[in-house]
Amino acid sequence: MKKKLKNVFVSGAITPEFIANAIAKHQSKTSIGAHDIFLGQVRADEIDGKKVGAIDYTAYEAMANQKFHEIRERTFEQFELTCMHIYHSLGKVAVGEICLFVFVSSPHRKEVFAALHHVVEEIKKEVPVFGKELFEDDSYQWKVNT
């Protein structure tokens, strides 16, 4: 029987309360010596004279969840981690709001820095999440990963 994977998607922006609750769960784990956090935020880019007001994220959810799970498993094999959380927005996320939240913990600080960098790069490279940049003039274009 195939194991059901944890859904990594959040509808809309990832709120400060959501982030704080995820982090707070780890305060009692005394084997953790370091945490590192990546927050991907929607930028007010200007493209061809038009300003981005939001990004509308969509994904092949089952495939994306599988990719997130594979990245997580490979990262646990490569680094000495205690825990890892990955969450990505689906739907409309306004400029200034958080669309990607990655949180890693380890007994040692060097591990969290290296692991977090690895995870974020793998997500950008492998996960089928797509963003439609919504401009302030109501036009749009598909986002190019940078």
N, C-alpha and C. Protein backbone atom coordinates (compact mmCIF):
# COMPACT_ATOMS: atom_id res chain seq x y z
N MET A 1 0.84 -1.18 0.00
CA MET A 1 0.00 0.00 0.00
C MET A 1 0.88 1.24 0.00
N LYS A 2 0.57 2.20 -0.85
CA LYS A 2 1.36 3.42 -0.96
C LYS A 2 1.04 4.36 0.20
N LYS A 3 2.10 4.89 0.83
CA LYS A 3 1.97 5.80 1.95
C LYS A 3 1.44 7.15 1.46
N LYS A 4 0.46 7.71 2.15
CA LYS A 4 -0.08 9.03 1.80
C LYS A 4 0.93 10.09 2.23
N LEU A 5 1.28 10.98 1.29
CA LEU A 5 2.25 12.02 1.57
C LEU A 5 1.58 13.23 2.19
N LYS A 6 2.30 13.90 3.06
CA LYS A 6 1.81 15.13 3.67
C LYS A 6 1.65 16.18 2.58
N ASN A 7 0.52 16.88 2.59
CA ASN A 7 0.29 17.96 1.63
C ASN A 7 1.09 19.19 2.04
N VAL A 8 1.92 19.68 1.16
CA VAL A 8 2.78 20.83 1.46
C VAL A 8 2.15 22.15 1.06
N PHE A 9 0.97 22.12 0.47
CA PHE A 9 0.39 23.34 -0.07
C PHE A 9 -0.52 24.06 0.92
N VAL A 10 -0.42 25.38 0.88
CA VAL A 10 -1.24 26.28 1.68
C VAL A 10 -2.01 27.14 0.70
N SER A 11 -3.29 27.35 0.96
CA SER A 11 -4.10 28.19 0.08
C SER A 11 -3.81 29.66 0.37
N GLY A 12 -3.34 30.37 -0.64
CA GLY A 12 -3.00 31.79 -0.47
C GLY A 12 -1.67 31.97 0.22
N ALA A 13 -1.48 33.15 0.78
CA ALA A 13 -0.21 33.49 1.44
C ALA A 13 0.02 32.65 2.69
N ILE A 14 1.28 32.44 3.01
CA ILE A 14 1.67 31.76 4.24
C ILE A 14 1.80 32.85 5.30
N THR A 15 0.98 32.79 6.31
CA THR A 15 0.88 33.88 7.28
C THR A 15 1.97 33.82 8.35
N PRO A 16 2.24 34.95 8.98
CA PRO A 16 3.19 34.96 10.11
C PRO A 16 2.76 34.00 11.23
N GLU A 17 1.46 33.88 11.46
CA GLU A 17 0.95 32.99 12.50
C GLU A 17 1.25 31.53 12.16
N PHE A 18 1.06 31.17 10.89
CA PHE A 18 1.35 29.81 10.43
C PHE A 18 2.84 29.50 10.67
N ILE A 19 3.70 30.43 10.29
CA ILE A 19 5.15 30.26 10.45
C ILE A 19 5.51 30.14 11.93
N ALA A 20 4.97 31.04 12.76
CA ALA A 20 5.26 31.02 14.20
C ALA A 20 4.82 29.71 14.84
N ASN A 21 3.65 29.21 14.46
CA ASN A 21 3.16 27.94 15.02
C ASN A 21 4.06 26.78 14.64
N ALA A 22 4.52 26.75 13.39
CA ALA A 22 5.42 25.67 12.95
C ALA A 22 6.73 25.69 13.73
N ILE A 23 7.25 26.88 13.95
CA ILE A 23 8.52 27.02 14.68
C ILE A 23 8.35 26.68 16.16
N ALA A 24 7.27 27.14 16.76
CA ALA A 24 7.05 26.95 18.20
C ALA A 24 6.99 25.48 18.61
N LYS A 25 6.56 24.62 17.69
CA LYS A 25 6.46 23.19 18.00
C LYS A 25 7.81 22.56 18.33
N HIS A 26 8.89 23.24 18.00
CA HIS A 26 10.23 22.66 18.17
C HIS A 26 10.99 23.19 19.37
N GLN A 27 10.40 24.08 20.13
CA GLN A 27 11.09 24.65 21.28
C GLN A 27 11.40 23.64 22.36
N SER A 28 10.59 22.61 22.47
CA SER A 28 10.79 21.62 23.53
C SER A 28 11.75 20.50 23.14
N LYS A 29 12.20 20.48 21.89
CA LYS A 29 13.12 19.43 21.44
C LYS A 29 14.55 19.82 21.81
N THR A 30 15.06 19.23 22.88
CA THR A 30 16.35 19.64 23.42
C THR A 30 17.55 19.11 22.65
N SER A 31 17.33 18.24 21.65
CA SER A 31 18.45 17.76 20.83
C SER A 31 18.78 18.73 19.69
N ILE A 32 17.93 19.72 19.50
CA ILE A 32 18.15 20.69 18.43
C ILE A 32 19.08 21.79 18.92
N GLY A 33 20.10 22.08 18.10
CA GLY A 33 21.04 23.15 18.42
C GLY A 33 20.90 24.33 17.49
N ALA A 34 20.22 24.14 16.35
CA ALA A 34 20.12 25.23 15.38
C ALA A 34 18.90 25.04 14.48
N HIS A 35 18.32 26.16 14.09
CA HIS A 35 17.22 26.20 13.12
C HIS A 35 17.64 27.17 12.02
N ASP A 36 17.14 26.95 10.84
CA ASP A 36 17.33 27.92 9.76
C ASP A 36 16.03 27.97 8.98
N ILE A 37 15.70 29.15 8.50
CA ILE A 37 14.42 29.39 7.85
C ILE A 37 14.64 30.12 6.54
N PHE A 38 13.90 29.69 5.50
CA PHE A 38 13.86 30.42 4.24
C PHE A 38 12.41 30.85 4.02
N LEU A 39 12.23 32.13 3.76
CA LEU A 39 10.92 32.67 3.44
C LEU A 39 10.99 33.27 2.05
N GLY A 40 10.29 32.67 1.11
CA GLY A 40 10.21 33.22 -0.24
C GLY A 40 9.06 34.21 -0.27
N GLN A 41 9.34 35.43 -0.69
CA GLN A 41 8.36 36.51 -0.67
C GLN A 41 8.13 37.03 -2.08
N VAL A 42 6.90 37.36 -2.40
CA VAL A 42 6.57 37.89 -3.73
C VAL A 42 7.13 39.31 -3.83
N ARG A 43 7.92 39.53 -4.88
CA ARG A 43 8.56 40.84 -5.13
C ARG A 43 7.69 41.69 -6.06
N ALA A 44 7.83 43.00 -5.90
CA ALA A 44 7.14 43.96 -6.78
C ALA A 44 8.05 44.24 -7.98
N ASP A 45 8.35 43.20 -8.74
CA ASP A 45 9.19 43.37 -9.93
C ASP A 45 8.53 44.29 -10.93
N GLU A 46 9.37 44.96 -11.71
CA GLU A 46 8.86 45.73 -12.84
C GLU A 46 9.38 45.07 -14.11
N ILE A 47 8.46 44.68 -14.98
CA ILE A 47 8.80 43.96 -16.21
C ILE A 47 8.19 44.72 -17.38
N ASP A 48 9.05 45.16 -18.28
CA ASP A 48 8.57 45.91 -19.45
C ASP A 48 7.68 47.08 -19.04
N GLY A 49 8.07 47.76 -17.98
CA GLY A 49 7.33 48.94 -17.54
C GLY A 49 6.07 48.65 -16.75
N LYS A 50 5.78 47.37 -16.47
CA LYS A 50 4.59 47.01 -15.70
C LYS A 50 5.01 46.42 -14.36
N LYS A 51 4.30 46.79 -13.31
CA LYS A 51 4.63 46.36 -11.96
C LYS A 51 3.80 45.15 -11.54
N VAL A 52 4.48 44.14 -10.99
CA VAL A 52 3.81 42.95 -10.47
C VAL A 52 3.07 43.32 -9.19
N GLY A 53 1.80 42.91 -9.10
CA GLY A 53 1.00 43.15 -7.90
C GLY A 53 0.76 41.89 -7.09
N ALA A 54 0.88 40.73 -7.76
CA ALA A 54 0.67 39.44 -7.09
C ALA A 54 1.15 38.34 -8.03
N ILE A 55 1.24 37.14 -7.48
CA ILE A 55 1.51 35.95 -8.28
C ILE A 55 0.42 34.94 -7.96
N ASP A 56 -0.11 34.32 -8.99
CA ASP A 56 -1.12 33.27 -8.84
C ASP A 56 -0.42 31.94 -9.08
N TYR A 57 -0.23 31.15 -8.02
CA TYR A 57 0.50 29.88 -8.10
C TYR A 57 -0.44 28.72 -8.38
N THR A 58 0.03 27.84 -9.26
CA THR A 58 -0.68 26.61 -9.57
C THR A 58 0.34 25.49 -9.63
N ALA A 59 -0.13 24.25 -9.53
CA ALA A 59 0.81 23.12 -9.54
C ALA A 59 0.09 21.85 -9.97
N TYR A 60 0.88 20.89 -10.42
CA TYR A 60 0.41 19.51 -10.54
C TYR A 60 0.58 18.96 -9.13
N GLU A 61 -0.49 19.05 -8.32
CA GLU A 61 -0.35 18.84 -6.88
C GLU A 61 0.22 17.48 -6.49
N ALA A 62 -0.29 16.40 -7.04
CA ALA A 62 0.21 15.07 -6.65
C ALA A 62 1.69 14.93 -7.03
N MET A 63 2.03 15.38 -8.23
CA MET A 63 3.42 15.29 -8.67
C MET A 63 4.32 16.21 -7.83
N ALA A 64 3.85 17.41 -7.54
CA ALA A 64 4.64 18.35 -6.75
C ALA A 64 4.83 17.83 -5.33
N ASN A 65 3.77 17.30 -4.72
CA ASN A 65 3.91 16.73 -3.38
C ASN A 65 4.93 15.60 -3.37
N GLN A 66 4.91 14.76 -4.41
CA GLN A 66 5.88 13.67 -4.53
C GLN A 66 7.31 14.23 -4.62
N LYS A 67 7.49 15.26 -5.42
CA LYS A 67 8.82 15.88 -5.57
C LYS A 67 9.30 16.48 -4.25
N PHE A 68 8.39 17.20 -3.56
CA PHE A 68 8.77 17.75 -2.26
C PHE A 68 9.19 16.64 -1.31
N HIS A 69 8.45 15.53 -1.30
CA HIS A 69 8.78 14.39 -0.44
C HIS A 69 10.15 13.81 -0.81
N GLU A 70 10.42 13.64 -2.10
CA GLU A 70 11.71 13.10 -2.54
C GLU A 70 12.87 14.02 -2.13
N ILE A 71 12.68 15.31 -2.30
CA ILE A 71 13.73 16.27 -1.89
C ILE A 71 13.96 16.17 -0.39
N ARG A 72 12.89 16.08 0.36
CA ARG A 72 12.99 15.97 1.81
C ARG A 72 13.76 14.70 2.20
N GLU A 73 13.40 13.58 1.62
CA GLU A 73 14.06 12.31 1.95
C GLU A 73 15.55 12.34 1.58
N ARG A 74 15.86 12.84 0.40
CA ARG A 74 17.27 12.92 -0.02
C ARG A 74 18.07 13.84 0.91
N THR A 75 17.44 14.92 1.35
CA THR A 75 18.12 15.86 2.23
C THR A 75 18.39 15.23 3.59
N PHE A 76 17.44 14.47 4.11
CA PHE A 76 17.67 13.77 5.38
C PHE A 76 18.78 12.73 5.25
N GLU A 77 18.94 12.13 4.08
CA GLU A 77 20.03 11.17 3.87
C GLU A 77 21.38 11.87 3.80
N GLN A 78 21.39 13.09 3.28
CA GLN A 78 22.65 13.81 3.04
C GLN A 78 23.12 14.63 4.24
N PHE A 79 22.18 15.10 5.07
CA PHE A 79 22.52 15.99 6.19
C PHE A 79 21.97 15.43 7.49
N GLU A 80 22.63 15.79 8.60
CA GLU A 80 22.17 15.37 9.93
C GLU A 80 21.12 16.37 10.41
N LEU A 81 19.86 16.07 10.11
CA LEU A 81 18.76 16.96 10.47
C LEU A 81 17.85 16.31 11.49
N THR A 82 17.23 17.15 12.31
CA THR A 82 16.23 16.69 13.27
C THR A 82 14.84 16.78 12.65
N CYS A 83 14.59 17.87 11.94
CA CYS A 83 13.28 18.02 11.31
C CYS A 83 13.37 18.97 10.12
N MET A 84 12.33 18.94 9.30
CA MET A 84 12.22 19.83 8.15
C MET A 84 10.75 20.03 7.82
N HIS A 85 10.40 21.27 7.54
CA HIS A 85 9.06 21.60 7.08
C HIS A 85 9.19 22.35 5.76
N ILE A 86 8.34 22.01 4.80
CA ILE A 86 8.29 22.72 3.52
C ILE A 86 6.82 23.01 3.25
N TYR A 87 6.52 24.29 2.98
CA TYR A 87 5.17 24.69 2.60
C TYR A 87 5.26 25.67 1.44
N HIS A 88 4.34 25.52 0.48
CA HIS A 88 4.29 26.40 -0.68
C HIS A 88 2.85 26.84 -0.90
N SER A 89 2.69 28.09 -1.30
CA SER A 89 1.36 28.63 -1.57
C SER A 89 0.80 28.13 -2.89
N LEU A 90 -0.50 28.02 -2.94
CA LEU A 90 -1.26 27.87 -4.17
C LEU A 90 -2.29 28.99 -4.17
N GLY A 91 -2.59 29.48 -5.36
CA GLY A 91 -3.53 30.59 -5.47
C GLY A 91 -2.80 31.92 -5.45
N LYS A 92 -3.57 32.97 -5.27
CA LYS A 92 -3.05 34.33 -5.37
C LYS A 92 -2.32 34.75 -4.10
N VAL A 93 -1.08 35.26 -4.30
CA VAL A 93 -0.26 35.77 -3.20
C VAL A 93 0.20 37.17 -3.60
N ALA A 94 -0.17 38.16 -2.80
CA ALA A 94 0.15 39.56 -3.11
C ALA A 94 1.62 39.88 -2.85
N VAL A 95 2.08 40.93 -3.48
CA VAL A 95 3.43 41.45 -3.24
C VAL A 95 3.64 41.65 -1.74
N GLY A 96 4.79 41.21 -1.25
CA GLY A 96 5.13 41.35 0.16
C GLY A 96 4.72 40.17 1.02
N GLU A 97 3.88 39.29 0.48
CA GLU A 97 3.45 38.13 1.24
C GLU A 97 4.37 36.93 0.97
N ILE A 98 4.33 35.96 1.88
CA ILE A 98 5.20 34.78 1.82
C ILE A 98 4.52 33.68 1.00
N CYS A 99 5.30 33.09 0.07
CA CYS A 99 4.78 32.02 -0.80
C CYS A 99 5.53 30.70 -0.61
N LEU A 100 6.70 30.73 0.01
CA LEU A 100 7.48 29.51 0.28
C LEU A 100 8.10 29.62 1.66
N PHE A 101 7.89 28.57 2.46
CA PHE A 101 8.42 28.51 3.82
C PHE A 101 9.14 27.18 3.98
N VAL A 102 10.44 27.25 4.23
CA VAL A 102 11.24 26.05 4.48
C VAL A 102 11.92 26.26 5.83
N PHE A 103 11.81 25.26 6.69
CA PHE A 103 12.34 25.32 8.05
C PHE A 103 13.09 24.02 8.32
N VAL A 104 14.36 24.13 8.69
CA VAL A 104 15.15 22.94 9.01
C VAL A 104 15.78 23.09 10.39
N SER A 105 15.95 21.97 11.07
CA SER A 105 16.56 21.94 12.40
C SER A 105 17.58 20.81 12.46
N SER A 106 18.62 21.05 13.25
CA SER A 106 19.70 20.08 13.39
C SER A 106 20.38 20.29 14.74
N PRO A 107 21.12 19.30 15.19
CA PRO A 107 21.94 19.52 16.38
C PRO A 107 23.04 20.57 16.14
N HIS A 108 23.41 20.79 14.87
CA HIS A 108 24.55 21.65 14.56
C HIS A 108 24.22 22.71 13.52
N ARG A 109 24.77 23.93 13.70
CA ARG A 109 24.46 25.06 12.82
C ARG A 109 24.95 24.88 11.40
N LYS A 110 26.12 24.29 11.20
CA LYS A 110 26.64 24.13 9.84
C LYS A 110 25.71 23.27 8.99
N GLU A 111 25.11 22.27 9.60
CA GLU A 111 24.18 21.39 8.87
C GLU A 111 22.95 22.15 8.39
N VAL A 112 22.39 23.02 9.25
CA VAL A 112 21.16 23.70 8.84
C VAL A 112 21.42 24.67 7.70
N PHE A 113 22.56 25.36 7.72
CA PHE A 113 22.86 26.30 6.63
C PHE A 113 22.98 25.57 5.29
N ALA A 114 23.77 24.50 5.29
CA ALA A 114 23.99 23.74 4.06
C ALA A 114 22.70 23.05 3.59
N ALA A 115 21.97 22.47 4.51
CA ALA A 115 20.75 21.75 4.16
C ALA A 115 19.69 22.70 3.60
N LEU A 116 19.53 23.85 4.21
CA LEU A 116 18.52 24.79 3.73
C LEU A 116 18.84 25.28 2.32
N HIS A 117 20.08 25.61 2.08
CA HIS A 117 20.49 26.05 0.74
C HIS A 117 20.20 24.93 -0.28
N HIS A 118 20.56 23.72 0.07
CA HIS A 118 20.33 22.57 -0.80
C HIS A 118 18.83 22.40 -1.12
N VAL A 119 18.00 22.44 -0.09
CA VAL A 119 16.56 22.23 -0.27
C VAL A 119 15.96 23.28 -1.19
N VAL A 120 16.26 24.55 -0.95
CA VAL A 120 15.68 25.62 -1.76
C VAL A 120 16.11 25.50 -3.22
N GLU A 121 17.36 25.18 -3.47
CA GLU A 121 17.84 25.01 -4.85
C GLU A 121 17.15 23.82 -5.52
N GLU A 122 16.96 22.74 -4.80
CA GLU A 122 16.29 21.56 -5.36
C GLU A 122 14.81 21.85 -5.67
N ILE A 123 14.17 22.59 -4.81
CA ILE A 123 12.76 22.96 -5.05
C ILE A 123 12.66 23.75 -6.34
N LYS A 124 13.48 24.76 -6.50
CA LYS A 124 13.44 25.60 -7.70
C LYS A 124 13.71 24.78 -8.96
N LYS A 125 14.58 23.79 -8.84
CA LYS A 125 15.00 23.00 -9.99
C LYS A 125 13.99 21.91 -10.36
N GLU A 126 13.32 21.30 -9.37
CA GLU A 126 12.58 20.07 -9.61
C GLU A 126 11.06 20.12 -9.47
N VAL A 127 10.54 21.03 -8.69
CA VAL A 127 9.13 20.95 -8.32
C VAL A 127 8.24 21.69 -9.33
N PRO A 128 7.21 21.01 -9.85
CA PRO A 128 6.32 21.63 -10.84
C PRO A 128 5.27 22.55 -10.21
N VAL A 129 5.75 23.71 -9.76
CA VAL A 129 4.88 24.79 -9.28
C VAL A 129 5.09 25.94 -10.24
N PHE A 130 4.00 26.53 -10.69
CA PHE A 130 4.08 27.58 -11.70
C PHE A 130 3.41 28.84 -11.19
N GLY A 131 3.98 29.99 -11.53
CA GLY A 131 3.42 31.25 -11.08
C GLY A 131 3.05 32.14 -12.25
N LYS A 132 1.86 32.68 -12.17
CA LYS A 132 1.41 33.66 -13.16
C LYS A 132 1.55 35.02 -12.50
N GLU A 133 2.47 35.85 -13.03
CA GLU A 133 2.65 37.19 -12.49
C GLU A 133 1.49 38.07 -12.94
N LEU A 134 0.79 38.61 -11.96
CA LEU A 134 -0.37 39.46 -12.22
C LEU A 134 0.08 40.91 -12.08
N PHE A 135 0.00 41.65 -13.17
CA PHE A 135 0.43 43.03 -13.16
C PHE A 135 -0.68 43.96 -12.67
N GLU A 136 -0.28 45.13 -12.21
CA GLU A 136 -1.23 46.10 -11.69
C GLU A 136 -2.24 46.56 -12.74
N ASP A 137 -1.89 46.43 -14.05
CA ASP A 137 -2.82 46.84 -15.12
C ASP A 137 -3.75 45.70 -15.54
N ASP A 138 -3.82 44.64 -14.75
CA ASP A 138 -4.67 43.46 -14.97
C ASP A 138 -4.18 42.54 -16.09
N SER A 139 -3.01 42.79 -16.67
CA SER A 139 -2.41 41.85 -17.60
C SER A 139 -1.58 40.85 -16.78
N TYR A 140 -1.05 39.81 -17.45
CA TYR A 140 -0.25 38.82 -16.74
C TYR A 140 0.76 38.17 -17.68
N GLN A 141 1.72 37.48 -17.07
CA GLN A 141 2.64 36.62 -17.81
C GLN A 141 3.07 35.50 -16.88
N TRP A 142 3.47 34.37 -17.46
CA TRP A 142 3.95 33.26 -16.65
C TRP A 142 5.34 33.58 -16.14
N LYS A 143 5.56 33.34 -14.86
CA LYS A 143 6.83 33.64 -14.19
C LYS A 143 7.93 32.73 -14.67
N VAL A 144 9.12 33.31 -14.80
CA VAL A 144 10.33 32.55 -15.09
C VAL A 144 11.08 32.41 -13.77
N ASN A 145 11.41 31.16 -13.37
CA ASN A 145 12.14 30.95 -12.12
C ASN A 145 13.50 31.62 -12.15
N THR A 146 13.79 32.37 -11.07
CA THR A 146 15.10 33.01 -10.93
C THR A 146 15.66 32.71 -9.57
